[in-house]
């Protein structure tokens, strides 16, 4: 695949790089857009394997709850990419940069998990 973007990297980190081209072809070329993916979208993208669907939906839920910034932290932390097939699905390990940024955002009154930075999770 010639094209590479954050969605491709996210899927690669999940071990689901085979769906990258289909995600892009269906217009899911940004993590903010990927937050809206549900079961019908996975059908259109061609994700039929139940374990792949589960892994994607779990990671999408995490995107909604933690914001897309969590993916950038994970992809830029070399320690986070080793050994875990559940990468980007579980709570990411804390690191100094993340803590400093979190404190600064809180000081500035910015909540990445709230609108307009994140898509609300519907019940």
Protein backbone atom coordinates (compact mmCIF):
# COMPACT_ATOMS: atom_id res chain seq x y z
CA UNK A 1 0.00 0.00 0.00
CA UNK A 2 1.50 3.33 -1.08
CA UNK A 3 -0.61 5.58 1.14
CA UNK A 4 0.13 5.80 4.84
CA UNK A 5 -1.66 7.93 7.41
CA UNK A 6 -2.69 7.76 11.05
CA UNK A 7 -5.58 5.37 10.30
CA UNK A 8 -3.19 3.00 8.51
CA UNK A 9 -0.77 3.18 11.44
CA UNK A 10 -3.60 2.62 13.93
CA UNK A 11 -4.77 -0.47 12.04
CA UNK A 12 -1.20 -1.74 11.69
CA UNK A 13 -0.67 -1.38 15.45
CA UNK A 14 -3.88 -3.34 16.04
CA UNK A 15 -2.56 -6.10 13.78
CA UNK A 16 -5.33 -5.36 11.25
CA UNK A 17 -3.39 -3.62 8.49
CA UNK A 18 -5.19 -5.73 5.88
CA UNK A 19 -8.22 -3.43 6.30
CA UNK A 20 -6.33 -0.15 5.79
CA UNK A 21 -7.05 0.21 2.09
CA UNK A 22 -10.73 -0.58 2.61
CA UNK A 23 -10.99 1.96 5.46
CA UNK A 24 -9.47 4.63 3.21
CA UNK A 25 -11.63 3.64 0.22
CA UNK A 26 -14.74 4.04 2.40
CA UNK A 27 -13.72 7.53 3.54
CA UNK A 28 -12.33 6.61 6.98
CA UNK A 29 -9.06 8.47 6.54
CA UNK A 30 -9.01 10.31 9.88
CA UNK A 31 -9.32 9.08 13.47
CA UNK A 32 -12.12 11.56 14.17
CA UNK A 33 -14.14 9.95 11.37
CA UNK A 34 -13.21 6.45 12.61
CA UNK A 35 -14.87 7.25 15.95
CA UNK A 36 -18.20 6.95 14.12
CA UNK A 37 -17.60 3.42 12.81
CA UNK A 38 -20.19 0.87 13.92
CA UNK A 39 -21.29 -2.61 12.89
CA UNK A 40 -22.91 -1.53 9.59
CA UNK A 41 -19.72 0.34 8.64
CA UNK A 42 -17.60 -2.72 9.38
CA UNK A 43 -19.89 -4.68 7.03
CA UNK A 44 -19.28 -2.11 4.28
CA UNK A 45 -15.53 -2.13 4.94
CA UNK A 46 -15.51 -5.92 4.70
CA UNK A 47 -14.55 -6.87 8.26
CA UNK A 48 -16.24 -10.25 8.62
CA UNK A 49 -14.00 -11.97 11.19
CA UNK A 50 -15.76 -11.70 14.59
CA UNK A 51 -12.51 -11.30 16.55
CA UNK A 52 -11.35 -8.52 14.18
CA UNK A 53 -14.72 -6.79 14.55
CA UNK A 54 -14.51 -7.06 18.35
CA UNK A 55 -10.95 -5.68 18.41
CA UNK A 56 -11.89 -2.77 16.13
CA UNK A 57 -15.06 -1.89 18.04
CA UNK A 58 -13.16 -2.02 21.33
CA UNK A 59 -10.47 0.28 19.98
CA UNK A 60 -13.09 2.63 18.49
CA UNK A 61 -14.79 2.80 21.88
CA UNK A 62 -11.42 3.74 23.36
CA UNK A 63 -11.02 6.43 20.68
CA UNK A 64 -14.37 7.92 21.68
CA UNK A 65 -13.63 7.80 25.41
CA UNK A 66 -9.98 8.86 25.45
CA UNK A 67 -9.81 10.92 22.29
CA UNK A 68 -7.69 10.39 19.21
CA UNK A 69 -4.65 11.87 20.95
CA UNK A 70 -4.25 8.55 22.81
CA UNK A 71 -3.37 6.85 19.51
CA UNK A 72 -0.63 9.39 18.80
CA UNK A 73 0.83 8.78 22.27
CA UNK A 74 0.77 5.02 21.70
CA UNK A 75 2.33 5.19 18.23
CA UNK A 76 5.08 7.54 19.43
CA UNK A 77 5.99 5.43 22.47
CA UNK A 78 8.35 2.63 21.32
CA UNK A 79 7.71 0.65 24.53
CA UNK A 80 3.96 0.52 23.90
CA UNK A 81 4.27 -1.22 20.53
CA UNK A 82 6.15 -4.30 21.76
CA UNK A 83 4.38 -7.55 22.37
CA UNK A 84 0.74 -6.64 22.96
CA UNK A 85 -1.97 -7.68 20.55
CA UNK A 86 -4.43 -5.60 22.56
CA UNK A 87 -2.53 -2.42 21.78
CA UNK A 88 -4.69 0.68 21.58
CA UNK A 89 -7.56 -1.22 23.16
CA UNK A 90 -6.52 -0.95 26.79
CA UNK A 91 -5.59 2.03 28.94
CA UNK A 92 -2.20 3.24 27.69
CA UNK A 93 0.68 3.30 30.15
CA UNK A 94 1.34 6.67 31.70
CA UNK A 95 4.49 8.52 30.74
CA UNK A 96 6.05 11.84 31.65
CA UNK A 97 5.09 13.64 28.43
CA UNK A 98 1.49 12.52 28.70
CA UNK A 99 1.35 13.64 32.33
CA UNK A 100 2.84 17.06 31.56
CA UNK A 101 0.48 17.58 28.63
CA UNK A 102 -2.48 16.45 30.71
CA UNK A 103 -1.62 18.87 33.49
CA UNK A 104 -1.16 21.74 31.03
CA UNK A 105 -4.43 21.01 29.27
CA UNK A 106 -6.22 20.88 32.62
CA UNK A 107 -4.65 24.20 33.63
CA UNK A 108 -5.83 25.70 30.33
CA UNK A 109 -9.32 24.28 30.83
CA UNK A 110 -9.11 21.98 27.79
CA UNK A 111 -10.86 18.62 28.08
CA UNK A 112 -9.91 16.38 25.15
CA UNK A 113 -12.70 13.96 26.00
CA UNK A 114 -15.36 16.67 25.60
CA UNK A 115 -16.79 18.37 22.54
CA UNK A 116 -15.34 19.67 20.22
CA UNK A 117 -12.24 17.50 20.76
CA UNK A 118 -14.04 14.19 21.10
CA UNK A 119 -17.23 12.54 19.93
CA UNK A 120 -19.60 11.90 22.85
CA UNK A 121 -20.23 8.25 23.64
CA UNK A 122 -23.88 7.45 23.15
CA UNK A 123 -25.58 5.15 25.66
